[in-house]
Amino acid sequence: MGDKRRIRSLLAVVCLVAGLTAAAVPASADVRIVGGTRASTSTYPFVVYLATKDGFQFCGGTLASVDKVVTAAHCAKGQRPEEVFVVAGRDDKKSTTEGISVPVKSIWIHPKYTDALIGYDVAVLNLAKRITKYAPLPIASSADDQAYAEGVEATILGWGRTSSGGPSSQYLLEAKVPIVGDEECKKSFSKYNNDWMVCAGYPQGGIDGCQGDSGGPMIAYGRLIGISSWGEGCGLPNKPGVYTRVMAYYPELAQQIKPSPAR
């Protein structure tokens, strides 16, 4: 079931956007906001989305410093920097006046990344110019272990699909999801590895991420604790969303998100 679902997700993106590489939404990713409510970048100024030259939104991201955006490796792999734009401060994807669109100068992908199902699903986009109007979000470190405790309420954000196979949201959405214990997550996914991943969602399903939300943030205690990575379906019972465990990658990320010297 999972393989068929992921193949459908990939084919849909290829059909929708000419020129968008298959790596942008890989066969291992299927994440978006289902059961969410309208949100605003005025409340979450650090949430951004990734777009092609023609404005198609294909993933999410988090502003981690004035010129660095944290996202999923599967969103960035195979992309050429000059073909990716980061859009900040825009709640409505169809707006032509809200926020700003900034080109990407270079892309760092975790050197051990091969597939989101294995782990290391983290990347950093180096922007061509600084974003100073919108405040970045601190990333989780080893001091934030409490944020990953079972039952902690986390916030997920994105512009992705609002139902499995349904249309993407025109507007930024948010949802609250509880952290799922590692043992429970292993029952749901044989490939789950709590060294690199964290699960969040409800046993009954109904609230989750979906296609287009990949790379977007999961927040708790005022920190970026997760990056939307992969899952099975959207909002299915006993199939929580799987997120990159940001704390596990803090040493590498701390180096990558340092602001570039001002020119």
Protein backbone atom coordinates (compact mmCIF):
# COMPACT_ATOMS: atom_id res chain seq x y z
CA MET A 1 0.00 0.00 0.00
CA GLY A 2 2.74 2.47 0.99
CA ASP A 3 4.73 1.97 -2.21
CA LYS A 4 1.64 2.43 -4.39
CA ARG A 5 0.67 5.57 -2.50
CA ARG A 6 4.11 7.06 -2.83
CA ILE A 7 4.24 6.31 -6.55
CA ARG A 8 0.86 8.01 -7.02
CA SER A 9 2.14 11.07 -5.17
CA LEU A 10 5.19 11.29 -7.41
CA LEU A 11 3.22 10.84 -10.62
CA ALA A 12 0.74 13.51 -9.62
CA VAL A 13 3.48 16.05 -9.12
CA VAL A 14 5.17 15.18 -12.39
CA CYS A 15 1.90 15.62 -14.24
CA LEU A 16 1.04 18.89 -12.51
CA VAL A 17 4.31 20.69 -13.01
CA ALA A 18 6.46 20.49 -16.11
CA GLY A 19 10.08 20.90 -15.24
CA LEU A 20 9.75 20.11 -11.54
CA THR A 21 12.15 17.30 -10.74
CA ALA A 22 10.85 14.07 -9.27
CA ALA A 23 13.10 14.57 -6.26
CA ALA A 24 11.04 17.55 -5.12
CA VAL A 25 8.30 15.24 -3.81
CA PRO A 26 9.95 11.83 -3.70
CA ALA A 27 8.45 8.38 -3.73
CA SER A 28 9.06 8.18 0.02
CA ALA A 29 7.08 11.26 1.04
CA ASP A 30 3.36 11.85 1.53
CA VAL A 31 2.80 14.65 4.02
CA ARG A 32 0.27 17.60 4.28
CA ILE A 33 -2.15 19.33 6.71
CA VAL A 34 -5.46 17.44 7.04
CA GLY A 35 -8.00 18.63 9.59
CA GLY A 36 -6.25 21.96 10.00
CA THR A 37 -7.45 25.53 10.49
CA ARG A 38 -6.41 28.82 8.92
CA ALA A 39 -3.17 30.26 10.25
CA SER A 40 -1.17 33.40 9.55
CA THR A 41 2.46 34.21 8.96
CA SER A 42 1.95 37.13 11.33
CA THR A 43 1.66 34.51 14.07
CA TYR A 44 4.25 32.18 12.53
CA PRO A 45 6.63 34.54 10.69
CA PHE A 46 9.25 31.82 10.24
CA VAL A 47 7.10 29.45 8.14
CA VAL A 48 7.87 29.63 4.41
CA TYR A 49 7.14 27.62 1.32
CA LEU A 50 9.33 26.47 -1.55
CA ALA A 51 8.23 27.28 -5.07
CA THR A 52 9.33 26.83 -8.65
CA LYS A 53 10.03 29.76 -10.98
CA ASP A 54 6.40 29.81 -12.05
CA GLY A 55 5.20 29.98 -8.45
CA PHE A 56 4.13 26.36 -7.90
CA GLN A 57 4.41 25.52 -4.18
CA PHE A 58 5.87 22.05 -3.67
CA CYS A 59 7.23 21.96 -0.10
CA GLY A 60 7.46 23.92 3.13
CA GLY A 61 10.36 25.18 5.20
CA THR A 62 11.40 27.13 8.27
CA LEU A 63 13.43 30.33 8.41
CA ALA A 64 16.21 29.45 10.87
CA SER A 65 18.34 32.59 10.42
CA VAL A 66 18.19 35.67 8.24
CA ASP A 67 19.36 33.82 5.13
CA LYS A 68 18.97 30.10 5.90
CA VAL A 69 15.88 27.90 5.56
CA VAL A 70 15.61 24.40 7.02
CA THR A 71 13.60 21.91 4.98
CA ALA A 72 13.51 18.19 4.15
CA ALA A 73 16.30 16.65 2.09
CA HIS A 74 13.74 14.99 -0.17
CA CYS A 75 12.41 18.45 -1.06
CA ALA A 76 15.85 19.67 -2.08
CA LYS A 77 17.51 16.63 -3.63
CA GLY A 78 17.88 17.00 -7.39
CA GLN A 79 16.90 20.66 -7.34
CA ARG A 80 19.07 23.33 -8.92
CA PRO A 81 19.36 26.36 -6.62
CA GLU A 82 18.50 28.81 -9.38
CA GLU A 83 15.15 27.06 -9.90
CA VAL A 84 13.99 27.21 -6.27
CA PHE A 85 12.44 30.22 -4.54
CA VAL A 86 11.57 30.72 -0.88
CA VAL A 87 8.33 32.60 -0.25
CA ALA A 88 7.96 34.25 3.18
CA GLY A 89 5.15 36.26 4.74
CA ARG A 90 2.47 35.03 2.32
CA ASP A 91 -0.60 33.34 3.79
CA ASP A 92 -2.41 33.14 0.45
CA LYS A 93 -0.43 31.38 -2.28
CA LYS A 94 -2.41 33.25 -4.94
CA SER A 95 -1.50 36.68 -3.58
CA THR A 96 0.87 38.76 -5.67
CA THR A 97 1.39 41.47 -3.07
CA GLU A 98 1.88 39.62 0.24
CA GLY A 99 5.35 38.82 1.52
CA ILE A 100 8.47 38.29 -0.52
CA SER A 101 9.98 35.69 -2.85
CA VAL A 102 13.71 35.13 -2.47
CA PRO A 103 15.93 33.06 -4.79
CA VAL A 104 18.10 30.27 -3.41
CA LYS A 105 21.86 30.61 -3.81
CA SER A 106 23.00 27.15 -2.72
CA ILE A 107 21.64 23.97 -1.14
CA TRP A 108 23.12 21.78 1.61
CA ILE A 109 21.71 18.26 1.90
CA HIS A 110 22.75 15.96 4.72
CA PRO A 111 25.58 13.89 3.20
CA LYS A 112 24.10 10.63 4.51
CA TYR A 113 20.67 11.18 2.99
CA THR A 114 19.46 8.64 0.43
CA ASP A 115 15.78 8.11 1.30
CA ALA A 116 13.40 9.64 3.85
CA LEU A 117 12.49 6.16 5.10
CA ILE A 118 16.08 5.67 6.23
CA GLY A 119 16.57 9.06 7.90
CA TYR A 120 18.82 12.11 7.49
CA ASP A 121 15.90 13.87 5.79
CA VAL A 122 17.19 17.38 6.39
CA ALA A 123 18.51 20.16 4.15
CA VAL A 124 19.37 23.86 4.41
CA LEU A 125 18.76 26.44 1.70
CA ASN A 126 21.19 29.34 1.54
CA LEU A 127 19.29 32.39 0.33
CA ALA A 128 20.56 34.90 -2.20
CA LYS A 129 19.54 37.78 0.07
CA ARG A 130 18.66 38.22 3.71
CA ILE A 131 15.12 38.15 5.05
CA THR A 132 15.01 40.66 7.90
CA LYS A 133 11.28 41.38 8.07
CA TYR A 134 10.33 37.97 9.47
CA ALA A 135 11.73 36.48 12.67
CA PRO A 136 13.46 33.08 12.44
CA LEU A 137 12.67 30.11 14.70
CA PRO A 138 15.32 28.53 16.97
CA ILE A 139 16.05 24.86 16.28
CA ALA A 140 15.89 22.14 18.93
CA SER A 141 19.14 21.08 20.58
CA SER A 142 20.06 18.38 23.09
CA ALA A 143 18.67 20.66 25.81
CA ASP A 144 15.17 20.29 24.33
CA ASP A 145 14.66 16.59 24.97
CA GLN A 146 11.39 17.31 26.85
CA ALA A 147 9.82 18.50 23.60
CA TYR A 148 9.89 14.91 22.31
CA ALA A 149 8.07 13.36 25.27
CA GLU A 150 4.98 11.31 24.50
CA GLY A 151 1.83 13.43 24.59
CA VAL A 152 3.51 16.82 24.10
CA GLU A 153 1.28 18.97 21.90
CA ALA A 154 3.07 20.17 18.79
CA THR A 155 1.99 22.51 16.00
CA ILE A 156 2.36 21.61 12.33
CA LEU A 157 2.01 24.12 9.48
CA GLY A 158 1.71 23.96 5.71
CA TRP A 159 -0.04 24.74 2.43
CA GLY A 160 -0.37 21.12 1.31
CA ARG A 161 -3.38 18.97 0.47
CA THR A 162 -6.32 18.99 2.85
CA SER A 163 -7.35 15.40 2.10
CA SER A 164 -5.67 12.39 0.58
CA GLY A 165 -5.63 12.96 -3.17
CA GLY A 166 -7.51 16.25 -2.72
CA PRO A 167 -6.54 19.81 -3.66
CA SER A 168 -3.78 21.78 -1.99
CA SER A 169 -4.74 24.55 0.38
CA GLN A 170 -4.63 28.07 -0.99
CA TYR A 171 -3.96 29.33 2.52
CA LEU A 172 -1.55 28.50 5.32
CA LEU A 173 -3.04 25.94 7.71
CA GLU A 174 -2.08 24.78 11.18
CA ALA A 175 -2.98 21.81 13.33
CA LYS A 176 -2.16 20.54 16.81
CA VAL A 177 -0.88 16.97 17.11
CA PRO A 178 0.47 15.03 20.10
CA ILE A 179 3.89 13.38 20.04
CA VAL A 180 3.52 9.61 19.72
CA GLY A 181 5.71 7.31 21.80
CA ASP A 182 8.50 5.51 19.98
CA GLU A 183 7.15 2.03 20.70
CA GLU A 184 3.73 2.93 19.33
CA CYS A 185 5.28 4.46 16.24
CA LYS A 186 7.31 1.32 15.62
CA LYS A 187 4.06 -0.65 15.66
CA SER A 188 2.75 1.61 12.91
CA PHE A 189 5.90 1.70 10.77
CA SER A 190 8.54 -1.02 10.63
CA LYS A 191 11.04 1.47 9.19
CA TYR A 192 10.60 4.00 12.01
CA ASN A 193 13.92 4.85 13.69
CA ASN A 194 13.67 7.03 16.79
CA ASP A 195 17.34 8.01 16.52
CA TRP A 196 16.47 10.17 13.51
CA MET A 197 12.68 10.45 13.49
CA VAL A 198 9.71 11.42 15.67
CA CYS A 199 6.01 10.64 15.19
CA ALA A 200 2.99 12.83 15.90
CA GLY A 201 -0.73 12.30 15.44
CA TYR A 202 -3.92 10.85 16.93
CA PRO A 203 -4.76 7.12 17.16
CA GLN A 204 -8.06 7.80 15.41
CA GLY A 205 -6.37 9.83 12.67
CA GLY A 206 -8.14 12.78 11.07
CA ILE A 207 -5.41 15.37 11.70
CA ASP A 208 -2.12 15.03 9.87
CA GLY A 209 0.20 16.45 7.24
CA CYS A 210 -0.17 15.61 3.50
CA GLN A 211 1.41 16.09 0.04
CA GLY A 212 2.88 19.59 -0.19
CA ASP A 213 3.55 19.93 3.54
CA SER A 214 6.86 18.06 3.36
CA GLY A 215 9.75 20.11 4.70
CA GLY A 216 7.46 22.25 6.85
CA PRO A 217 7.83 22.76 10.59
CA MET A 218 6.65 20.93 13.66
CA ILE A 219 6.95 23.23 16.66
CA ALA A 220 6.92 22.76 20.43
CA TYR A 221 8.32 24.80 23.30
CA GLY A 222 9.17 27.61 20.88
CA ARG A 223 11.56 25.43 18.91
CA LEU A 224 11.66 23.66 15.56
CA ILE A 225 11.54 20.06 16.76
CA GLY A 226 10.48 18.31 13.56
CA ILE A 227 10.47 18.54 9.77
CA SER A 228 7.57 16.96 7.87
CA SER A 229 9.15 13.89 6.31
CA TRP A 230 6.95 10.88 5.44
CA GLY A 231 3.90 8.81 6.30
CA GLU A 232 1.27 6.45 4.97
CA GLY A 233 -1.83 8.09 3.57
CA CYS A 234 -3.13 11.27 5.18
CA GLY A 235 -4.84 11.21 8.56
CA LEU A 236 -5.35 7.44 8.67
CA PRO A 237 -6.00 5.73 12.02
CA ASN A 238 -2.82 4.47 13.72
CA LYS A 239 -0.68 6.03 10.97
CA PRO A 240 0.83 9.17 12.51
CA GLY A 241 3.01 11.54 10.54
CA VAL A 242 6.75 10.93 10.69
CA TYR A 243 9.04 13.92 11.14
CA THR A 244 12.79 14.46 11.07
CA ARG A 245 13.97 14.65 14.71
CA VAL A 246 15.72 18.03 14.51
CA MET A 247 17.51 17.63 17.84
CA ALA A 248 19.43 14.66 16.44
CA TYR A 249 20.96 16.86 13.73
CA TYR A 250 21.71 19.92 15.84
CA PRO A 251 25.53 19.90 15.42
CA GLU A 252 25.31 19.85 11.62
CA LEU A 253 22.39 22.28 11.46
CA ALA A 254 23.99 24.76 13.85
CA GLN A 255 26.92 25.06 11.44
CA GLN A 256 24.74 25.31 8.36
CA ILE A 257 22.29 27.94 9.60
CA LYS A 258 24.87 30.50 10.64
CA PRO A 259 24.11 33.70 8.71
CA SER A 260 26.43 34.40 5.81
CA PRO A 261 28.66 37.47 6.25
CA ALA A 262 26.84 40.67 5.31
CA ARG A 263 27.95 42.14 2.01
